[in-house]
Amino acid sequence: MVGRRSNPGGDKNKIKIQKRKAKVLLAIRSQGGEQALIQTLNRARDLYRQRSQPAPNIDELASLLAQCAIAEAQSSNPNPLAPGSDPVTVLNSDEACILAECGRKQIILDAFNDGSSFICLKCGGLFSTSRKDEHLAYWCGAA
C-alpha cells in the first residue's frame, strides 16, 4: 500500500505534544522572560540527565517541563495568582478537594507526576490529560 503511514495516530500525538510544550514554554516566557525560560530548560535538561533512562517517555518529559514551568513561574512572579489558579496552593489547601481532606494529597501528586493528569491553572482542578481540551473548552468554570 503506497502512501500509507505505518503509525497513523502517532503523528497526531506528536503534534499534540509539541503544542503542549509550546504552550508551557510560552507561559514560562510570559511569566519570567527569556532568562526564566533558559533556566527552566536547563533545569529540565539536568533532571532528564539525572534520570538516565535509555528511552524516555514523551509524556513524562512533557510532565517534567510542566512542573519546571510551574515552579519557575511561582519563583519569578512577585504578584500572587488569583485564588484557585496556583496548583501548589490548591494542593496545600486542606479544603481543596475530597482527597486533600482525607489526607491523600499524594494521590494528586502522583497522578500529576506520572503524566496521566494535569492541574488546570484556571480552576485548580486535577483532570485526565485525555480530557484536557474538553475541560478547557466546556467544563472549566474559571474560563
N, C-alpha and C. Protein backbone atom coordinates (compact mmCIF):
# COMPACT_ATOMS: atom_id res chain seq x y z
N MET A 1 0.84 -1.18 0.00
CA MET A 1 0.00 0.00 0.00
C MET A 1 0.88 1.24 0.00
N VAL A 2 0.90 1.89 -1.09
CA VAL A 2 1.74 3.07 -1.23
C VAL A 2 1.03 4.27 -0.61
N GLY A 3 1.78 5.09 0.10
CA GLY A 3 1.23 6.31 0.66
C GLY A 3 0.65 6.16 2.06
N ARG A 4 0.55 4.95 2.58
CA ARG A 4 0.01 4.75 3.93
C ARG A 4 1.13 4.82 4.94
N ARG A 5 0.83 5.42 6.04
CA ARG A 5 1.81 5.51 7.12
C ARG A 5 1.66 4.31 8.03
N SER A 6 2.78 3.90 8.61
CA SER A 6 2.74 2.74 9.49
C SER A 6 2.16 3.08 10.86
N ASN A 7 2.16 4.35 11.23
CA ASN A 7 1.66 4.77 12.53
C ASN A 7 0.77 6.00 12.35
N PRO A 8 -0.48 5.82 11.91
CA PRO A 8 -1.33 6.97 11.61
C PRO A 8 -1.67 7.82 12.82
N GLY A 9 -1.83 7.26 14.00
CA GLY A 9 -2.16 8.04 15.19
C GLY A 9 -0.96 8.68 15.84
N GLY A 10 0.23 8.18 15.54
CA GLY A 10 1.44 8.68 16.17
C GLY A 10 1.75 10.12 15.81
N ASP A 11 1.48 10.50 14.57
CA ASP A 11 1.76 11.87 14.14
C ASP A 11 0.86 12.86 14.87
N LYS A 12 -0.40 12.52 15.08
CA LYS A 12 -1.32 13.40 15.80
C LYS A 12 -0.87 13.58 17.24
N ASN A 13 -0.42 12.50 17.86
CA ASN A 13 0.06 12.59 19.24
C ASN A 13 1.30 13.46 19.33
N LYS A 14 2.19 13.31 18.36
CA LYS A 14 3.40 14.14 18.36
C LYS A 14 3.05 15.61 18.21
N ILE A 15 2.08 15.90 17.37
CA ILE A 15 1.67 17.29 17.17
C ILE A 15 1.05 17.84 18.45
N LYS A 16 0.21 17.05 19.12
CA LYS A 16 -0.40 17.49 20.38
C LYS A 16 0.67 17.76 21.43
N ILE A 17 1.65 16.87 21.51
CA ILE A 17 2.72 17.03 22.49
C ILE A 17 3.52 18.29 22.19
N GLN A 18 3.82 18.52 20.91
CA GLN A 18 4.57 19.72 20.53
C GLN A 18 3.78 20.98 20.89
N LYS A 19 2.47 20.96 20.68
CA LYS A 19 1.64 22.12 21.03
C LYS A 19 1.64 22.35 22.53
N ARG A 20 1.57 21.26 23.31
CA ARG A 20 1.61 21.39 24.77
C ARG A 20 2.94 21.97 25.23
N LYS A 21 4.01 21.49 24.65
CA LYS A 21 5.33 22.02 25.01
C LYS A 21 5.42 23.49 24.67
N ALA A 22 4.91 23.87 23.50
CA ALA A 22 4.95 25.27 23.09
C ALA A 22 4.16 26.14 24.06
N LYS A 23 3.00 25.66 24.53
CA LYS A 23 2.20 26.42 25.49
C LYS A 23 2.94 26.59 26.81
N VAL A 24 3.60 25.53 27.25
CA VAL A 24 4.36 25.60 28.50
C VAL A 24 5.49 26.61 28.37
N LEU A 25 6.22 26.54 27.27
CA LEU A 25 7.33 27.46 27.07
C LEU A 25 6.84 28.90 26.95
N LEU A 26 5.70 29.11 26.30
CA LEU A 26 5.13 30.45 26.20
C LEU A 26 4.73 30.98 27.57
N ALA A 27 4.16 30.11 28.40
CA ALA A 27 3.78 30.52 29.76
C ALA A 27 5.00 30.90 30.58
N ILE A 28 6.06 30.13 30.44
CA ILE A 28 7.29 30.45 31.17
C ILE A 28 7.82 31.80 30.72
N ARG A 29 7.87 32.00 29.41
CA ARG A 29 8.40 33.25 28.87
C ARG A 29 7.54 34.43 29.30
N SER A 30 6.22 34.28 29.31
CA SER A 30 5.35 35.40 29.67
C SER A 30 5.43 35.72 31.16
N GLN A 31 5.70 34.72 31.99
CA GLN A 31 5.79 34.94 33.43
C GLN A 31 7.15 35.47 33.87
N GLY A 32 8.22 34.95 33.27
CA GLY A 32 9.54 35.30 33.77
C GLY A 32 10.53 35.80 32.75
N GLY A 33 10.14 35.88 31.49
CA GLY A 33 11.03 36.37 30.45
C GLY A 33 11.97 35.28 29.93
N GLU A 34 12.89 35.72 29.07
CA GLU A 34 13.82 34.79 28.43
C GLU A 34 14.72 34.09 29.45
N GLN A 35 15.15 34.82 30.47
CA GLN A 35 16.04 34.22 31.46
C GLN A 35 15.36 33.06 32.18
N ALA A 36 14.10 33.24 32.54
CA ALA A 36 13.35 32.15 33.20
C ALA A 36 13.20 30.96 32.26
N LEU A 37 12.98 31.24 30.99
CA LEU A 37 12.85 30.16 30.00
C LEU A 37 14.15 29.37 29.90
N ILE A 38 15.27 30.07 29.83
CA ILE A 38 16.57 29.40 29.74
C ILE A 38 16.84 28.58 31.00
N GLN A 39 16.56 29.17 32.15
CA GLN A 39 16.77 28.45 33.41
C GLN A 39 15.91 27.20 33.49
N THR A 40 14.66 27.31 33.07
CA THR A 40 13.75 26.17 33.11
C THR A 40 14.21 25.06 32.18
N LEU A 41 14.59 25.42 30.97
CA LEU A 41 15.06 24.41 30.02
C LEU A 41 16.34 23.75 30.51
N ASN A 42 17.24 24.54 31.10
CA ASN A 42 18.46 23.95 31.65
C ASN A 42 18.14 23.01 32.81
N ARG A 43 17.20 23.41 33.65
CA ARG A 43 16.81 22.56 34.78
C ARG A 43 16.16 21.27 34.28
N ALA A 44 15.29 21.38 33.28
CA ALA A 44 14.65 20.19 32.71
C ALA A 44 15.69 19.26 32.10
N ARG A 45 16.67 19.83 31.41
CA ARG A 45 17.73 19.01 30.83
C ARG A 45 18.52 18.29 31.92
N ASP A 46 18.85 19.01 32.99
CA ASP A 46 19.60 18.40 34.09
C ASP A 46 18.80 17.27 34.75
N LEU A 47 17.52 17.52 35.00
CA LEU A 47 16.68 16.48 35.60
C LEU A 47 16.54 15.28 34.67
N TYR A 48 16.44 15.55 33.40
CA TYR A 48 16.34 14.46 32.42
C TYR A 48 17.61 13.61 32.44
N ARG A 49 18.75 14.26 32.48
CA ARG A 49 20.02 13.53 32.52
C ARG A 49 20.15 12.72 33.80
N GLN A 50 19.64 13.26 34.91
CA GLN A 50 19.73 12.54 36.18
C GLN A 50 18.92 11.25 36.15
N ARG A 51 17.83 11.28 35.46
CA ARG A 51 17.00 10.07 35.37
C ARG A 51 17.70 8.98 34.55
N SER A 52 18.49 9.38 33.58
CA SER A 52 19.30 8.49 32.73
C SER A 52 18.56 7.25 32.26
N GLN A 53 17.40 7.46 31.72
CA GLN A 53 16.64 6.35 31.16
C GLN A 53 17.01 6.21 29.68
N PRO A 54 17.19 4.99 29.20
CA PRO A 54 17.59 4.80 27.81
C PRO A 54 16.55 5.27 26.80
N ALA A 55 15.26 5.09 27.08
CA ALA A 55 14.21 5.51 26.16
C ALA A 55 13.18 6.33 26.93
N PRO A 56 13.31 7.66 26.93
CA PRO A 56 12.41 8.49 27.73
C PRO A 56 10.98 8.46 27.17
N ASN A 57 10.04 8.50 28.07
CA ASN A 57 8.64 8.58 27.71
C ASN A 57 8.31 10.05 27.45
N ILE A 58 7.74 10.35 26.31
CA ILE A 58 7.45 11.72 25.93
C ILE A 58 6.49 12.37 26.92
N ASP A 59 5.52 11.63 27.41
CA ASP A 59 4.58 12.18 28.37
C ASP A 59 5.28 12.57 29.67
N GLU A 60 6.25 11.75 30.09
CA GLU A 60 7.00 12.07 31.30
C GLU A 60 7.82 13.34 31.10
N LEU A 61 8.41 13.48 29.93
CA LEU A 61 9.21 14.67 29.64
C LEU A 61 8.31 15.91 29.60
N ALA A 62 7.14 15.80 29.00
CA ALA A 62 6.20 16.92 28.97
C ALA A 62 5.75 17.28 30.38
N SER A 63 5.50 16.26 31.21
CA SER A 63 5.11 16.50 32.59
C SER A 63 6.24 17.19 33.36
N LEU A 64 7.46 16.76 33.12
CA LEU A 64 8.61 17.37 33.76
C LEU A 64 8.74 18.84 33.37
N LEU A 65 8.56 19.13 32.09
CA LEU A 65 8.60 20.51 31.63
C LEU A 65 7.50 21.34 32.29
N ALA A 66 6.32 20.77 32.41
CA ALA A 66 5.22 21.49 33.05
C ALA A 66 5.53 21.77 34.51
N GLN A 67 6.10 20.80 35.21
CA GLN A 67 6.47 21.01 36.61
C GLN A 67 7.51 22.12 36.74
N CYS A 68 8.48 22.11 35.85
CA CYS A 68 9.51 23.15 35.87
C CYS A 68 8.89 24.51 35.59
N ALA A 69 7.95 24.56 34.65
CA ALA A 69 7.30 25.82 34.30
C ALA A 69 6.53 26.38 35.49
N ILE A 70 5.81 25.52 36.18
CA ILE A 70 5.04 25.97 37.34
C ILE A 70 5.97 26.48 38.43
N ALA A 71 7.04 25.74 38.69
CA ALA A 71 7.99 26.15 39.73
C ALA A 71 8.67 27.46 39.37
N GLU A 72 9.08 27.62 38.12
CA GLU A 72 9.73 28.85 37.70
C GLU A 72 8.77 30.03 37.73
N ALA A 73 7.53 29.82 37.30
CA ALA A 73 6.55 30.90 37.30
C ALA A 73 6.27 31.36 38.73
N GLN A 74 6.24 30.43 39.66
CA GLN A 74 5.98 30.79 41.05
C GLN A 74 7.16 31.54 41.65
N SER A 75 8.37 31.12 41.33
CA SER A 75 9.53 31.76 41.93
C SER A 75 9.85 33.11 41.31
N SER A 76 9.46 33.32 40.05
CA SER A 76 9.81 34.57 39.39
C SER A 76 8.66 35.56 39.35
N ASN A 77 7.47 35.18 39.79
CA ASN A 77 6.31 36.05 39.73
C ASN A 77 6.07 36.69 41.09
N PRO A 78 6.37 38.00 41.25
CA PRO A 78 6.18 38.64 42.54
C PRO A 78 4.70 38.83 42.89
N ASN A 79 3.83 38.86 41.89
CA ASN A 79 2.40 39.05 42.15
C ASN A 79 1.74 37.70 42.34
N PRO A 80 1.05 37.49 43.43
CA PRO A 80 0.40 36.19 43.63
C PRO A 80 -0.73 36.00 42.63
N LEU A 81 -0.99 34.76 42.29
CA LEU A 81 -2.06 34.43 41.37
C LEU A 81 -3.39 34.49 42.10
N ALA A 82 -4.44 34.56 41.34
CA ALA A 82 -5.78 34.57 41.92
C ALA A 82 -6.02 33.25 42.66
N PRO A 83 -6.84 33.25 43.70
CA PRO A 83 -7.11 32.01 44.42
C PRO A 83 -7.64 30.94 43.48
N GLY A 84 -7.13 29.73 43.64
CA GLY A 84 -7.56 28.62 42.82
C GLY A 84 -6.79 28.45 41.53
N SER A 85 -5.90 29.40 41.19
CA SER A 85 -5.18 29.28 39.93
C SER A 85 -3.77 28.75 40.12
N ASP A 86 -3.31 28.65 41.34
CA ASP A 86 -1.97 28.15 41.63
C ASP A 86 -2.07 26.70 42.10
N PRO A 87 -1.56 25.74 41.31
CA PRO A 87 -1.72 24.33 41.67
C PRO A 87 -1.10 23.96 43.00
N VAL A 88 0.04 24.52 43.33
CA VAL A 88 0.68 24.18 44.59
C VAL A 88 -0.14 24.70 45.76
N THR A 89 -0.68 25.90 45.63
CA THR A 89 -1.54 26.45 46.68
C THR A 89 -2.79 25.60 46.84
N VAL A 90 -3.35 25.16 45.71
CA VAL A 90 -4.53 24.31 45.77
C VAL A 90 -4.21 23.01 46.50
N LEU A 91 -3.07 22.41 46.21
CA LEU A 91 -2.69 21.16 46.86
C LEU A 91 -2.39 21.36 48.34
N ASN A 92 -1.87 22.51 48.71
CA ASN A 92 -1.54 22.77 50.10
C ASN A 92 -2.75 23.15 50.94
N SER A 93 -3.84 23.48 50.28
CA SER A 93 -5.07 23.84 50.98
C SER A 93 -5.83 22.57 51.33
N ASP A 94 -6.14 22.38 52.60
CA ASP A 94 -6.86 21.18 53.02
C ASP A 94 -8.31 21.18 52.54
N GLU A 95 -8.84 22.35 52.18
CA GLU A 95 -10.21 22.41 51.68
C GLU A 95 -10.26 22.23 50.17
N ALA A 96 -9.14 21.99 49.53
CA ALA A 96 -9.07 21.98 48.07
C ALA A 96 -9.95 20.91 47.45
N CYS A 97 -9.93 19.71 47.97
CA CYS A 97 -10.70 18.63 47.38
C CYS A 97 -10.89 17.52 48.40
N ILE A 98 -11.70 16.56 48.03
CA ILE A 98 -12.00 15.45 48.93
C ILE A 98 -10.74 14.67 49.27
N LEU A 99 -9.88 14.43 48.28
CA LEU A 99 -8.65 13.69 48.55
C LEU A 99 -7.76 14.42 49.54
N ALA A 100 -7.68 15.74 49.41
CA ALA A 100 -6.87 16.51 50.35
C ALA A 100 -7.47 16.46 51.75
N GLU A 101 -8.79 16.53 51.83
CA GLU A 101 -9.46 16.46 53.13
C GLU A 101 -9.20 15.13 53.83
N CYS A 102 -9.06 14.07 53.04
CA CYS A 102 -8.81 12.73 53.60
C CYS A 102 -7.33 12.47 53.82
N GLY A 103 -6.49 13.47 53.58
CA GLY A 103 -5.06 13.28 53.76
C GLY A 103 -4.41 12.49 52.65
N ARG A 104 -4.96 12.54 51.46
CA ARG A 104 -4.43 11.76 50.33
C ARG A 104 -3.92 12.66 49.21
N LYS A 105 -3.20 13.69 49.58
CA LYS A 105 -2.62 14.60 48.59
C LYS A 105 -1.64 13.87 47.67
N GLN A 106 -1.02 12.83 48.18
CA GLN A 106 -0.03 12.11 47.39
C GLN A 106 -0.65 11.51 46.13
N ILE A 107 -1.92 11.13 46.20
CA ILE A 107 -2.60 10.60 45.01
C ILE A 107 -2.64 11.67 43.93
N ILE A 108 -2.94 12.90 44.32
CA ILE A 108 -2.98 14.00 43.37
C ILE A 108 -1.60 14.22 42.78
N LEU A 109 -0.60 14.27 43.63
CA LEU A 109 0.77 14.50 43.15
C LEU A 109 1.23 13.38 42.23
N ASP A 110 0.92 12.13 42.57
CA ASP A 110 1.31 11.01 41.72
C ASP A 110 0.64 11.08 40.36
N ALA A 111 -0.65 11.40 40.35
CA ALA A 111 -1.38 11.49 39.08
C ALA A 111 -0.80 12.59 38.21
N PHE A 112 -0.41 13.70 38.82
CA PHE A 112 0.20 14.79 38.05
C PHE A 112 1.59 14.40 37.58
N ASN A 113 2.37 13.78 38.45
CA ASN A 113 3.75 13.44 38.12
C ASN A 113 3.87 12.37 37.05
N ASP A 114 2.96 11.40 37.02
CA ASP A 114 3.09 10.34 36.02
C ASP A 114 2.55 10.75 34.66
N GLY A 115 2.01 11.95 34.55
CA GLY A 115 1.56 12.45 33.26
C GLY A 115 0.15 12.02 32.89
N SER A 116 -0.52 11.26 33.74
CA SER A 116 -1.87 10.82 33.41
C SER A 116 -2.89 11.92 33.65
N SER A 117 -2.50 12.94 34.41
CA SER A 117 -3.42 14.02 34.75
C SER A 117 -2.69 15.35 34.68
N PHE A 118 -3.48 16.43 34.64
CA PHE A 118 -2.89 17.76 34.66
C PHE A 118 -3.66 18.60 35.67
N ILE A 119 -3.00 19.63 36.16
CA ILE A 119 -3.65 20.56 37.08
C ILE A 119 -4.02 21.79 36.27
N CYS A 120 -5.32 22.08 36.21
CA CYS A 120 -5.80 23.25 35.46
C CYS A 120 -5.37 24.51 36.19
N LEU A 121 -4.64 25.38 35.50
CA LEU A 121 -4.17 26.61 36.13
C LEU A 121 -5.30 27.63 36.28
N LYS A 122 -6.41 27.41 35.59
CA LYS A 122 -7.54 28.34 35.70
C LYS A 122 -8.40 28.05 36.92
N CYS A 123 -8.73 26.77 37.14
CA CYS A 123 -9.63 26.43 38.24
C CYS A 123 -8.96 25.65 39.36
N GLY A 124 -7.73 25.15 39.11
CA GLY A 124 -7.01 24.41 40.14
C GLY A 124 -7.39 22.95 40.26
N GLY A 125 -8.23 22.46 39.37
CA GLY A 125 -8.67 21.07 39.43
C GLY A 125 -7.68 20.12 38.80
N LEU A 126 -7.79 18.85 39.14
CA LEU A 126 -6.95 17.79 38.58
C LEU A 126 -7.81 16.98 37.62
N PHE A 127 -7.35 16.87 36.36
CA PHE A 127 -8.14 16.22 35.32
C PHE A 127 -7.26 15.32 34.48
N SER A 128 -7.88 14.34 33.84
CA SER A 128 -7.18 13.43 32.93
C SER A 128 -6.64 14.21 31.74
N THR A 129 -5.41 13.90 31.34
CA THR A 129 -4.83 14.59 30.19
C THR A 129 -5.60 14.29 28.92
N SER A 130 -6.27 13.15 28.86
CA SER A 130 -7.05 12.82 27.66
C SER A 130 -8.29 13.70 27.52
N ARG A 131 -8.66 14.41 28.58
CA ARG A 131 -9.84 15.28 28.53
C ARG A 131 -9.49 16.74 28.73
N LYS A 132 -8.24 17.09 28.53
CA LYS A 132 -7.80 18.46 28.76
C LYS A 132 -8.53 19.46 27.87
N ASP A 133 -8.57 19.17 26.56
CA ASP A 133 -9.20 20.10 25.63
C ASP A 133 -10.68 20.31 25.97
N GLU A 134 -11.38 19.22 26.27
CA GLU A 134 -12.80 19.33 26.62
C GLU A 134 -12.98 20.12 27.91
N HIS A 135 -12.12 19.87 28.89
CA HIS A 135 -12.22 20.60 30.15
C HIS A 135 -12.08 22.09 29.92
N LEU A 136 -11.04 22.47 29.20
CA LEU A 136 -10.79 23.89 28.98
C LEU A 136 -11.88 24.53 28.12
N ALA A 137 -12.40 23.78 27.14
CA ALA A 137 -13.40 24.35 26.24
C ALA A 137 -14.80 24.41 26.84
N TYR A 138 -15.19 23.38 27.61
CA TYR A 138 -16.58 23.28 28.03
C TYR A 138 -16.83 23.29 29.53
N TRP A 139 -15.94 22.69 30.32
CA TRP A 139 -16.26 22.43 31.71
C TRP A 139 -15.59 23.34 32.72
N CYS A 140 -14.50 23.98 32.37
CA CYS A 140 -13.78 24.79 33.35
C CYS A 140 -14.62 26.00 33.73
N GLY A 141 -14.99 26.08 34.98
CA GLY A 141 -15.82 27.18 35.44
C GLY A 141 -15.09 28.50 35.51
N ALA A 142 -13.75 28.48 35.50
CA ALA A 142 -12.97 29.71 35.59
C ALA A 142 -12.69 30.31 34.22
N ALA A 143 -13.07 29.61 33.14
CA ALA A 143 -12.78 30.10 31.79
C ALA A 143 -13.66 31.25 31.41
